[in-house]
Amino acid sequence: MGFLSNIRRMNVGMTRARRKLLVGDSSTLCRHSFFGELLAYVKGVGGFRTANEVAIEA
């Protein structure tokens, strides 16, 4: 996706969204410094869920 290569586009998408949902492979996303820091923050505030966890909750 285009926004993955352009942090400014990701920033606009996240700041204008009513709700925030990021779906992706965490091991791939964390290779990029921005997404690695974002993933660490989301985990730190308890907002990270694996696909299995979401499926069990549904």
N, C-alpha and C. Protein backbone atom coordinates (compact mmCIF):
# COMPACT_ATOMS: atom_id res chain seq x y z
N MET A 1 0.84 -1.18 0.00
CA MET A 1 0.00 0.00 0.00
C MET A 1 0.88 1.24 0.00
N GLY A 2 0.41 2.27 -0.63
CA GLY A 2 1.19 3.48 -0.77
C GLY A 2 1.53 4.17 0.53
N PHE A 3 0.60 4.17 1.48
CA PHE A 3 0.87 4.90 2.71
C PHE A 3 1.98 4.28 3.54
N LEU A 4 2.28 3.01 3.32
CA LEU A 4 3.35 2.38 4.08
C LEU A 4 4.70 2.97 3.75
N SER A 5 4.87 3.46 2.53
CA SER A 5 6.15 4.03 2.13
C SER A 5 6.22 5.53 2.38
N ASN A 6 5.11 6.16 2.73
CA ASN A 6 5.10 7.59 2.95
C ASN A 6 4.48 7.87 4.32
N ILE A 7 5.31 8.20 5.29
CA ILE A 7 4.86 8.39 6.67
C ILE A 7 3.87 9.55 6.77
N ARG A 8 4.02 10.58 5.97
CA ARG A 8 3.09 11.71 6.03
C ARG A 8 1.67 11.27 5.69
N ARG A 9 1.52 10.38 4.72
CA ARG A 9 0.20 9.88 4.35
C ARG A 9 -0.38 9.04 5.49
N MET A 10 0.45 8.26 6.15
CA MET A 10 0.00 7.46 7.29
C MET A 10 -0.44 8.37 8.42
N ASN A 11 0.31 9.44 8.66
CA ASN A 11 -0.03 10.39 9.71
C ASN A 11 -1.39 11.02 9.45
N VAL A 12 -1.65 11.43 8.22
CA VAL A 12 -2.94 12.01 7.87
C VAL A 12 -4.05 10.99 8.09
N GLY A 13 -3.84 9.78 7.65
CA GLY A 13 -4.84 8.74 7.81
C GLY A 13 -5.17 8.46 9.27
N MET A 14 -4.18 8.48 10.12
CA MET A 14 -4.41 8.17 11.54
C MET A 14 -5.01 9.34 12.29
N THR A 15 -4.59 10.56 11.97
CA THR A 15 -5.10 11.70 12.73
C THR A 15 -6.51 12.09 12.32
N ARG A 16 -6.94 11.70 11.14
CA ARG A 16 -8.29 12.05 10.68
C ARG A 16 -9.30 10.91 10.86
N ALA A 17 -8.82 9.76 11.25
CA ALA A 17 -9.71 8.61 11.41
C ALA A 17 -10.55 8.75 12.67
N ARG A 18 -11.79 8.29 12.59
CA ARG A 18 -12.65 8.28 13.78
C ARG A 18 -12.21 7.20 14.75
N ARG A 19 -11.82 6.09 14.20
CA ARG A 19 -11.29 4.98 14.99
C ARG A 19 -10.03 4.51 14.31
N LYS A 20 -9.12 3.99 15.08
CA LYS A 20 -7.85 3.57 14.50
C LYS A 20 -7.74 2.06 14.50
N LEU A 21 -7.45 1.51 13.34
CA LEU A 21 -7.26 0.08 13.19
C LEU A 21 -6.14 -0.12 12.20
N LEU A 22 -5.14 -0.81 12.61
CA LEU A 22 -4.02 -1.12 11.73
C LEU A 22 -3.95 -2.64 11.64
N VAL A 23 -4.07 -3.15 10.44
CA VAL A 23 -4.03 -4.57 10.22
C VAL A 23 -2.80 -4.88 9.40
N GLY A 24 -1.99 -5.79 9.88
CA GLY A 24 -0.80 -6.17 9.13
C GLY A 24 0.02 -7.18 9.89
N ASP A 25 1.08 -7.60 9.26
CA ASP A 25 1.99 -8.55 9.87
C ASP A 25 2.98 -7.78 10.74
N SER A 26 2.88 -7.95 12.04
CA SER A 26 3.70 -7.16 12.95
C SER A 26 5.19 -7.40 12.77
N SER A 27 5.58 -8.62 12.42
CA SER A 27 7.01 -8.88 12.23
C SER A 27 7.55 -8.16 11.00
N THR A 28 6.72 -7.93 10.00
CA THR A 28 7.13 -7.17 8.83
C THR A 28 7.09 -5.68 9.11
N LEU A 29 6.00 -5.20 9.72
CA LEU A 29 5.87 -3.78 9.98
C LEU A 29 6.95 -3.25 10.93
N CYS A 30 7.35 -4.04 11.91
CA CYS A 30 8.31 -3.54 12.89
C CYS A 30 9.71 -3.38 12.32
N ARG A 31 9.95 -3.82 11.10
CA ARG A 31 11.25 -3.59 10.46
C ARG A 31 11.46 -2.12 10.11
N HIS A 32 10.37 -1.39 9.95
CA HIS A 32 10.44 0.03 9.65
C HIS A 32 10.43 0.78 10.98
N SER A 33 11.28 1.77 11.14
CA SER A 33 11.41 2.45 12.44
C SER A 33 10.10 3.07 12.91
N PHE A 34 9.38 3.73 12.03
CA PHE A 34 8.12 4.37 12.42
C PHE A 34 7.12 3.33 12.91
N PHE A 35 6.91 2.29 12.12
CA PHE A 35 5.92 1.28 12.49
C PHE A 35 6.38 0.46 13.68
N GLY A 36 7.68 0.29 13.84
CA GLY A 36 8.20 -0.40 15.02
C GLY A 36 7.88 0.37 16.29
N GLU A 37 8.06 1.69 16.25
CA GLU A 37 7.74 2.52 17.40
C GLU A 37 6.24 2.56 17.64
N LEU A 38 5.47 2.62 16.58
CA LEU A 38 4.01 2.62 16.71
C LEU A 38 3.54 1.31 17.33
N LEU A 39 4.07 0.21 16.87
CA LEU A 39 3.70 -1.10 17.40
C LEU A 39 4.08 -1.22 18.88
N ALA A 40 5.25 -0.72 19.25
CA ALA A 40 5.65 -0.75 20.66
C ALA A 40 4.69 0.08 21.52
N TYR A 41 4.28 1.22 21.01
CA TYR A 41 3.33 2.07 21.75
C TYR A 41 1.99 1.36 21.92
N VAL A 42 1.47 0.81 20.81
CA VAL A 42 0.17 0.13 20.85
C VAL A 42 0.21 -1.05 21.82
N LYS A 43 1.30 -1.80 21.81
CA LYS A 43 1.45 -2.91 22.77
C LYS A 43 1.49 -2.37 24.19
N GLY A 44 2.18 -1.25 24.39
CA GLY A 44 2.33 -0.66 25.72
C GLY A 44 1.02 -0.19 26.33
N VAL A 45 0.09 0.25 25.49
CA VAL A 45 -1.20 0.72 26.01
C VAL A 45 -2.27 -0.37 25.95
N GLY A 46 -1.86 -1.58 25.59
CA GLY A 46 -2.80 -2.71 25.58
C GLY A 46 -3.71 -2.77 24.38
N GLY A 47 -3.30 -2.17 23.27
CA GLY A 47 -4.15 -2.14 22.09
C GLY A 47 -3.81 -3.16 21.03
N PHE A 48 -2.86 -4.03 21.29
CA PHE A 48 -2.42 -5.01 20.30
C PHE A 48 -3.19 -6.31 20.47
N ARG A 49 -3.71 -6.84 19.37
CA ARG A 49 -4.40 -8.13 19.38
C ARG A 49 -3.92 -8.94 18.18
N THR A 50 -3.72 -10.21 18.39
CA THR A 50 -3.39 -11.09 17.27
C THR A 50 -4.68 -11.49 16.58
N ALA A 51 -4.57 -12.02 15.37
CA ALA A 51 -5.75 -12.48 14.64
C ALA A 51 -6.47 -13.57 15.43
N ASN A 52 -5.72 -14.45 16.09
CA ASN A 52 -6.34 -15.51 16.89
C ASN A 52 -7.13 -14.94 18.06
N GLU A 53 -6.59 -13.93 18.71
CA GLU A 53 -7.30 -13.32 19.84
C GLU A 53 -8.60 -12.67 19.39
N VAL A 54 -8.56 -12.01 18.25
CA VAL A 54 -9.77 -11.36 17.73
C VAL A 54 -10.82 -12.41 17.36
N ALA A 55 -10.38 -13.50 16.76
CA ALA A 55 -11.31 -14.57 16.37
C ALA A 55 -11.98 -15.20 17.59
N ILE A 56 -11.22 -15.38 18.65
CA ILE A 56 -11.76 -15.98 19.88
C ILE A 56 -12.77 -15.04 20.54
N GLU A 57 -12.49 -13.72 20.50
CA GLU A 57 -13.38 -12.74 21.11
C GLU A 57 -14.70 -12.62 20.37
N ALA A 58 -14.70 -12.95 19.08
CA ALA A 58 -15.92 -12.75 18.25
C ALA A 58 -16.94 -13.79 18.47
